[in-house]
Amino acid sequence: MLKNLVPHGNSAALIIDKPILEILKVDMNTPLEITTDGENLIISPVHDKDRDKKFRAALGKVNKKHEKTLKKLAE
């Protein structure tokens, strides 16, 4: 399957088809870990509940600390 990035504000988005999401048991609330090996982009769902809690806590701290900057970037 070949995909192209689509514009999303000042960023680029990758649309993942529903059948792929269903196979991976991923929905809009599933955190995704994005890594690279230097040549490939690796996107992995995080299904570990403790890791999910830590991720959401860290995300909340970043959002709180950088709220004004993130709002400006979103404009």
PDB file of N, CA and C in Angstrom:
ATOM      1  N   MET A   1       0.847  -1.164   0.000  1.00  0.00           N
ATOM      2  CA  MET A   1       0.000   0.000   0.000  1.00  0.00           C
ATOM      3  C   MET A   1       0.900   1.237   0.000  1.00  0.00           C
ATOM      4  N   LEU A   2       0.684   2.118  -0.935  1.00  0.00           N
ATOM      5  CA  LEU A   2       1.412   3.376  -0.990  1.00  0.00           C
ATOM      6  C   LEU A   2       0.516   4.491  -0.484  1.00  0.00           C
ATOM      7  N   LYS A   3       1.097   5.396   0.294  1.00  0.00           N
ATOM      8  CA  LYS A   3       0.341   6.516   0.858  1.00  0.00           C
ATOM      9  C   LYS A   3       1.137   7.793   0.643  1.00  0.00           C
ATOM     10  N   ASN A   4       0.439   8.901   0.571  1.00  0.00           N
ATOM     11  CA  ASN A   4       1.057  10.218   0.542  1.00  0.00           C
ATOM     12  C   ASN A   4       0.639  10.979   1.781  1.00  0.00           C
ATOM     13  N   LEU A   5       1.511  11.860   2.242  1.00  0.00           N
ATOM     14  CA  LEU A   5       1.158  12.734   3.348  1.00  0.00           C
ATOM     15  C   LEU A   5       0.175  13.776   2.848  1.00  0.00           C
ATOM     16  N   VAL A   6      -0.707  14.213   3.733  1.00  0.00           N
ATOM     17  CA  VAL A   6      -1.657  15.269   3.388  1.00  0.00           C
ATOM     18  C   VAL A   6      -1.419  16.450   4.319  1.00  0.00           C
ATOM     19  N   PRO A   7      -1.641  17.677   3.827  1.00  0.00           N
ATOM     20  CA  PRO A   7      -1.447  18.842   4.693  1.00  0.00           C
ATOM     21  C   PRO A   7      -2.454  18.857   5.840  1.00  0.00           C
ATOM     22  N   HIS A   8      -1.974  19.265   7.007  1.00  0.00           N
ATOM     23  CA  HIS A   8      -2.829  19.375   8.196  1.00  0.00           C
ATOM     24  C   HIS A   8      -2.304  20.561   8.996  1.00  0.00           C
ATOM     25  N   GLY A   9      -2.873  21.748   8.755  1.00  0.00           N
ATOM     26  CA  GLY A   9      -2.348  22.960   9.384  1.00  0.00           C
ATOM     27  C   GLY A   9      -0.947  23.206   8.861  1.00  0.00           C
ATOM     28  N   ASN A  10      -0.012  23.416   9.768  1.00  0.00           N
ATOM     29  CA  ASN A  10       1.387  23.614   9.399  1.00  0.00           C
ATOM     30  C   ASN A  10       2.176  22.306   9.425  1.00  0.00           C
ATOM     31  N   SER A  11       1.472  21.196   9.487  1.00  0.00           N
ATOM     32  CA  SER A  11       2.111  19.889   9.590  1.00  0.00           C
ATOM     33  C   SER A  11       1.678  19.001   8.431  1.00  0.00           C
ATOM     34  N   ALA A  12       2.125  17.772   8.477  1.00  0.00           N
ATOM     35  CA  ALA A  12       1.714  16.772   7.500  1.00  0.00           C
ATOM     36  C   ALA A  12       1.092  15.605   8.250  1.00  0.00           C
ATOM     37  N   ALA A  13       0.063  15.009   7.658  1.00  0.00           N
ATOM     38  CA  ALA A  13      -0.632  13.900   8.307  1.00  0.00           C
ATOM     39  C   ALA A  13      -0.602  12.680   7.397  1.00  0.00           C
ATOM     40  N   LEU A  14      -0.595  11.522   8.015  1.00  0.00           N
ATOM     41  CA  LEU A  14      -0.679  10.258   7.306  1.00  0.00           C
ATOM     42  C   LEU A  14      -2.030   9.641   7.638  1.00  0.00           C
ATOM     43  N   ILE A  15      -2.825   9.375   6.637  1.00  0.00           N
ATOM     44  CA  ILE A  15      -4.142   8.778   6.843  1.00  0.00           C
ATOM     45  C   ILE A  15      -3.974   7.257   6.862  1.00  0.00           C
ATOM     46  N   ILE A  16      -4.427   6.643   7.941  1.00  0.00           N
ATOM     47  CA  ILE A  16      -4.346   5.187   8.072  1.00  0.00           C
ATOM     48  C   ILE A  16      -5.753   4.624   7.866  1.00  0.00           C
ATOM     49  N   ASP A  17      -5.889   3.736   6.913  1.00  0.00           N
ATOM     50  CA  ASP A  17      -7.198   3.187   6.572  1.00  0.00           C
ATOM     51  C   ASP A  17      -7.789   2.375   7.717  1.00  0.00           C
ATOM     52  N   LYS A  18      -9.115   2.399   7.815  1.00  0.00           N
ATOM     53  CA  LYS A  18      -9.828   1.731   8.900  1.00  0.00           C
ATOM     54  C   LYS A  18      -9.491   0.239   9.025  1.00  0.00           C
ATOM     55  N   PRO A  19      -9.395  -0.523   7.931  1.00  0.00           N
ATOM     56  CA  PRO A  19      -9.052  -1.944   8.087  1.00  0.00           C
ATOM     57  C   PRO A  19      -7.702  -2.161   8.785  1.00  0.00           C
ATOM     58  N   ILE A  20      -6.747  -1.310   8.508  1.00  0.00           N
ATOM     59  CA  ILE A  20      -5.438  -1.421   9.164  1.00  0.00           C
ATOM     60  C   ILE A  20      -5.587  -1.122  10.651  1.00  0.00           C
ATOM     61  N   LEU A  21      -6.338  -0.076  10.981  1.00  0.00           N
ATOM     62  CA  LEU A  21      -6.568   0.273  12.389  1.00  0.00           C
ATOM     63  C   LEU A  21      -7.243  -0.878  13.124  1.00  0.00           C
ATOM     64  N   GLU A  22      -8.204  -1.515  12.468  1.00  0.00           N
ATOM     65  CA  GLU A  22      -8.914  -2.633  13.094  1.00  0.00           C
ATOM     66  C   GLU A  22      -7.989  -3.822  13.337  1.00  0.00           C
ATOM     67  N   ILE A  23      -7.114  -4.128  12.380  1.00  0.00           N
ATOM     68  CA  ILE A  23      -6.167  -5.229  12.552  1.00  0.00           C
ATOM     69  C   ILE A  23      -5.262  -4.975  13.753  1.00  0.00           C
ATOM     70  N   LEU A  24      -4.826  -3.722  13.905  1.00  0.00           N
ATOM     71  CA  LEU A  24      -3.907  -3.359  14.987  1.00  0.00           C
ATOM     72  C   LEU A  24      -4.621  -3.045  16.305  1.00  0.00           C
ATOM     73  N   LYS A  25      -5.957  -3.062  16.278  1.00  0.00           N
ATOM     74  CA  LYS A  25      -6.760  -2.694  17.454  1.00  0.00           C
ATOM     75  C   LYS A  25      -6.400  -1.290  17.934  1.00  0.00           C
ATOM     76  N   VAL A  26      -6.365  -0.365  16.979  1.00  0.00           N
ATOM     77  CA  VAL A  26      -6.035   1.032  17.235  1.00  0.00           C
ATOM     78  C   VAL A  26      -7.267   1.874  16.964  1.00  0.00           C
ATOM     79  N   ASP A  27      -7.532   2.831  17.858  1.00  0.00           N
ATOM     80  CA  ASP A  27      -8.596   3.796  17.602  1.00  0.00           C
ATOM     81  C   ASP A  27      -8.036   5.198  17.857  1.00  0.00           C
ATOM     82  N   MET A  28      -8.894   6.183  17.836  1.00  0.00           N
ATOM     83  CA  MET A  28      -8.452   7.574  17.974  1.00  0.00           C
ATOM     84  C   MET A  28      -7.841   7.861  19.349  1.00  0.00           C
ATOM     85  N   ASN A  29      -8.083   7.000  20.327  1.00  0.00           N
ATOM     86  CA  ASN A  29      -7.556   7.210  21.676  1.00  0.00           C
ATOM     87  C   ASN A  29      -6.321   6.372  21.992  1.00  0.00           C
ATOM     88  N   THR A  30      -5.885   5.555  21.042  1.00  0.00           N
ATOM     89  CA  THR A  30      -4.718   4.709  21.271  1.00  0.00           C
ATOM     90  C   THR A  30      -3.450   5.529  21.056  1.00  0.00           C
ATOM     91  N   PRO A  31      -2.592   5.619  22.073  1.00  0.00           N
ATOM     92  CA  PRO A  31      -1.334   6.331  21.855  1.00  0.00           C
ATOM     93  C   PRO A  31      -0.445   5.546  20.892  1.00  0.00           C
ATOM     94  N   LEU A  32       0.269   6.281  20.063  1.00  0.00           N
ATOM     95  CA  LEU A  32       1.160   5.660  19.098  1.00  0.00           C
ATOM     96  C   LEU A  32       2.583   6.110  19.376  1.00  0.00           C
ATOM     97  N   GLU A  33       3.504   5.153  19.378  1.00  0.00           N
ATOM     98  CA  GLU A  33       4.913   5.471  19.529  1.00  0.00           C
ATOM     99  C   GLU A  33       5.506   5.589  18.133  1.00  0.00           C
ATOM    100  N   ILE A  34       6.187   6.705  17.869  1.00  0.00           N
ATOM    101  CA  ILE A  34       6.797   6.933  16.563  1.00  0.00           C
ATOM    102  C   ILE A  34       8.305   6.933  16.739  1.00  0.00           C
ATOM    103  N   THR A  35       8.967   6.013  16.036  1.00  0.00           N
ATOM    104  CA  THR A  35      10.422   5.896  16.098  1.00  0.00           C
ATOM    105  C   THR A  35      10.952   5.778  14.676  1.00  0.00           C
ATOM    106  N   THR A  36      12.264   5.773  14.556  1.00  0.00           N
ATOM    107  CA  THR A  36      12.896   5.571  13.257  1.00  0.00           C
ATOM    108  C   THR A  36      14.181   4.784  13.440  1.00  0.00           C
ATOM    109  N   ASP A  37      14.547   4.069  12.416  1.00  0.00           N
ATOM    110  CA  ASP A  37      15.831   3.378  12.411  1.00  0.00           C
ATOM    111  C   ASP A  37      16.832   4.146  11.550  1.00  0.00           C
ATOM    112  N   GLY A  38      16.481   5.348  11.180  1.00  0.00           N
ATOM    113  CA  GLY A  38      17.327   6.196  10.344  1.00  0.00           C
ATOM    114  C   GLY A  38      16.895   6.198   8.891  1.00  0.00           C
ATOM    115  N   GLU A  39      16.137   5.204   8.488  1.00  0.00           N
ATOM    116  CA  GLU A  39      15.648   5.123   7.113  1.00  0.00           C
ATOM    117  C   GLU A  39      14.141   4.927   7.030  1.00  0.00           C
ATOM    118  N   ASN A  40      13.570   4.336   8.066  1.00  0.00           N
ATOM    119  CA  ASN A  40      12.145   4.006   8.070  1.00  0.00           C
ATOM    120  C   ASN A  40      11.445   4.660   9.245  1.00  0.00           C
ATOM    121  N   LEU A  41      10.207   5.011   9.025  1.00  0.00           N
ATOM    122  CA  LEU A  41       9.350   5.514  10.085  1.00  0.00           C
ATOM    123  C   LEU A  41       8.609   4.316  10.659  1.00  0.00           C
ATOM    124  N   ILE A  42       8.655   4.153  11.974  1.00  0.00           N
ATOM    125  CA  ILE A  42       8.018   3.011  12.631  1.00  0.00           C
ATOM    126  C   ILE A  42       6.952   3.542  13.578  1.00  0.00           C
ATOM    127  N   ILE A  43       5.708   3.161  13.328  1.00  0.00           N
ATOM    128  CA  ILE A  43       4.579   3.611  14.146  1.00  0.00           C
ATOM    129  C   ILE A  43       3.999   2.381  14.831  1.00  0.00           C
ATOM    130  N   SER A  44       4.015   2.394  16.167  1.00  0.00           N
ATOM    131  CA  SER A  44       3.557   1.232  16.930  1.00  0.00           C
ATOM    132  C   SER A  44       2.510   1.643  17.948  1.00  0.00           C
ATOM    133  N   PRO A  45       1.397   0.912  18.023  1.00  0.00           N
ATOM    134  CA  PRO A  45       0.412   1.212  19.060  1.00  0.00           C
ATOM    135  C   PRO A  45       0.951   0.848  20.437  1.00  0.00           C
ATOM    136  N   VAL A  46       0.555   1.611  21.425  1.00  0.00           N
ATOM    137  CA  VAL A  46       0.950   1.343  22.806  1.00  0.00           C
ATOM    138  C   VAL A  46      -0.283   0.790  23.518  1.00  0.00           C
ATOM    139  N   HIS A  47      -0.246  -0.489  23.852  1.00  0.00           N
ATOM    140  CA  HIS A  47      -1.385  -1.125  24.520  1.00  0.00           C
ATOM    141  C   HIS A  47      -1.116  -1.379  26.004  1.00  0.00           C
ATOM    142  N   ASP A  48       0.063  -1.045  26.474  1.00  0.00           N
ATOM    143  CA  ASP A  48       0.431  -1.219  27.876  1.00  0.00           C
ATOM    144  C   ASP A  48      -0.241  -0.111  28.701  1.00  0.00           C
ATOM    145  N   LYS A  49      -1.113  -0.476  29.622  1.00  0.00           N
ATOM    146  CA  LYS A  49      -1.893   0.499  30.401  1.00  0.00           C
ATOM    147  C   LYS A  49      -1.001   1.430  31.227  1.00  0.00           C
ATOM    148  N   ASP A  50       0.045   0.900  31.869  1.00  0.00           N
ATOM    149  CA  ASP A  50       0.941   1.748  32.658  1.00  0.00           C
ATOM    150  C   ASP A  50       1.676   2.728  31.765  1.00  0.00           C
ATOM    151  N   ARG A  51       2.133   2.236  30.627  1.00  0.00           N
ATOM    152  CA  ARG A  51       2.828   3.109  29.688  1.00  0.00           C
ATOM    153  C   ARG A  51       1.880   4.179  29.158  1.00  0.00           C
ATOM    154  N   ASP A  52       0.643   3.799  28.902  1.00  0.00           N
ATOM    155  CA  ASP A  52      -0.365   4.749  28.431  1.00  0.00           C
ATOM    156  C   ASP A  52      -0.583   5.846  29.469  1.00  0.00           C
ATOM    157  N   LYS A  53      -0.680   5.481  30.733  1.00  0.00           N
ATOM    158  CA  LYS A  53      -0.866   6.468  31.799  1.00  0.00           C
ATOM    159  C   LYS A  53       0.318   7.423  31.873  1.00  0.00           C
ATOM    160  N   LYS A  54       1.535   6.879  31.779  1.00  0.00           N
ATOM    161  CA  LYS A  54       2.737   7.720  31.812  1.00  0.00           C
ATOM    162  C   LYS A  54       2.775   8.659  30.606  1.00  0.00           C
ATOM    163  N   PHE A  55       2.425   8.122  29.439  1.00  0.00           N
ATOM    164  CA  PHE A  55       2.404   8.927  28.223  1.00  0.00           C
ATOM    165  C   PHE A  55       1.417  10.081  28.358  1.00  0.00           C
ATOM    166  N   ARG A  56       0.205   9.774  28.812  1.00  0.00           N
ATOM    167  CA  ARG A  56      -0.818  10.821  28.944  1.00  0.00           C
ATOM    168  C   ARG A  56      -0.434  11.850  30.000  1.00  0.00           C
ATOM    169  N   ALA A  57       0.195  11.433  31.080  1.00  0.00           N
ATOM    170  CA  ALA A  57       0.658  12.363  32.109  1.00  0.00           C
ATOM    171  C   ALA A  57       1.732  13.286  31.538  1.00  0.00           C
ATOM    172  N   ALA A  58       2.678  12.719  30.800  1.00  0.00           N
ATOM    173  CA  ALA A  58       3.742  13.521  30.197  1.00  0.00           C
ATOM    174  C   ALA A  58       3.169  14.475  29.161  1.00  0.00           C
ATOM    175  N   LEU A  59       2.228  14.008  28.359  1.00  0.00           N
ATOM    176  CA  LEU A  59       1.584  14.859  27.365  1.00  0.00           C
ATOM    177  C   LEU A  59       0.845  16.010  28.040  1.00  0.00           C
ATOM    178  N   GLY A  60       0.157  15.728  29.137  1.00  0.00           N
ATOM    179  CA  GLY A  60      -0.545  16.767  29.876  1.00  0.00           C
ATOM    180  C   GLY A  60       0.405  17.831  30.399  1.00  0.00           C
ATOM    181  N   LYS A  61       1.564  17.420  30.899  1.00  0.00           N
ATOM    182  CA  LYS A  61       2.556  18.375  31.402  1.00  0.00           C
ATOM    183  C   LYS A  61       3.076  19.268  30.279  1.00  0.00           C
ATOM    184  N   VAL A  62       3.367  18.661  29.139  1.00  0.00           N
ATOM    185  CA  VAL A  62       3.859  19.438  27.995  1.00  0.00           C
ATOM    186  C   VAL A  62       2.791  20.415  27.532  1.00  0.00           C
ATOM    187  N   ASN A  63       1.559  19.947  27.407  1.00  0.00           N
ATOM    188  CA  ASN A  63       0.468  20.826  26.972  1.00  0.00           C
ATOM    189  C   ASN A  63       0.265  21.978  27.935  1.00  0.00           C
ATOM    190  N   LYS A  64       0.343  21.709  29.226  1.00  0.00           N
ATOM    191  CA  LYS A  64       0.159  22.765  30.224  1.00  0.00           C
ATOM    192  C   LYS A  64       1.306  23.776  30.176  1.00  0.00           C
ATOM    193  N   LYS A  65       2.525  23.261  30.101  1.00  0.00           N
ATOM    194  CA  LYS A  65       3.706  24.127  30.116  1.00  0.00           C
ATOM    195  C   LYS A  65       3.794  24.986  28.853  1.00  0.00           C
ATOM    196  N   HIS A  66       3.397  24.445  27.709  1.00  0.00           N
ATOM    197  CA  HIS A  66       3.559  25.133  26.428  1.00  0.00           C
ATOM    198  C   HIS A  66       2.223  25.503  25.786  1.00  0.00           C
ATOM    199  N   GLU A  67       1.199  25.670  26.595  1.00  0.00           N
ATOM    200  CA  GLU A  67      -0.148  25.920  26.084  1.00  0.00           C
ATOM    201  C   GLU A  67      -0.205  27.103  25.115  1.00  0.00           C
ATOM    202  N   LYS A  68       0.384  28.242  25.515  1.00  0.00           N
ATOM    203  CA  LYS A  68       0.326  29.443  24.662  1.00  0.00           C
ATOM    204  C   LYS A  68       1.034  29.214  23.337  1.00  0.00           C
ATOM    205  N   THR A  69       2.194  28.609  23.396  1.00  0.00           N
ATOM    206  CA  THR A  69       2.964  28.353  22.168  1.00  0.00           C
ATOM    207  C   THR A  69       2.212  27.400  21.247  1.00  0.00           C
ATOM    208  N   LEU A  70       1.639  26.344  21.805  1.00  0.00           N
ATOM    209  CA  LEU A  70       0.911  25.368  20.995  1.00  0.00           C
ATOM    210  C   LEU A  70      -0.325  26.005  20.340  1.00  0.00           C
ATOM    211  N   LYS A  71      -1.002  26.892  21.056  1.00  0.00           N
ATOM    212  CA  LYS A  71      -2.159  27.584  20.475  1.00  0.00           C
ATOM    213  C   LYS A  71      -1.729  28.470  19.317  1.00  0.00           C
ATOM    214  N   LYS A  72      -0.594  29.179  19.478  1.00  0.00           N
ATOM    215  CA  LYS A  72      -0.093  30.022  18.396  1.00  0.00           C
ATOM    216  C   LYS A  72       0.277  29.196  17.171  1.00  0.00           C
ATOM    217  N   LEU A  73       0.899  28.043  17.408  1.00  0.00           N
ATOM    218  CA  LEU A  73       1.272  27.167  16.289  1.00  0.00           C
ATOM    219  C   LEU A  73       0.050  26.626  15.562  1.00  0.00           C
ATOM    220  N   ALA A  74      -1.030  26.434  16.285  1.00  0.00           N
ATOM    221  CA  ALA A  74      -2.248  25.879  15.690  1.00  0.00           C
ATOM    222  C   ALA A  74      -2.976  26.894  14.811  1.00  0.00           C
ATOM    223  N   GLU A  75      -2.671  28.162  14.982  1.00  0.00           N
ATOM    224  CA  GLU A  75      -3.382  29.197  14.216  1.00  0.00           C
ATOM    225  C   GLU A  75      -2.954  29.255  12.779  1.00  0.00           C
TER     226      GLU A  75
END
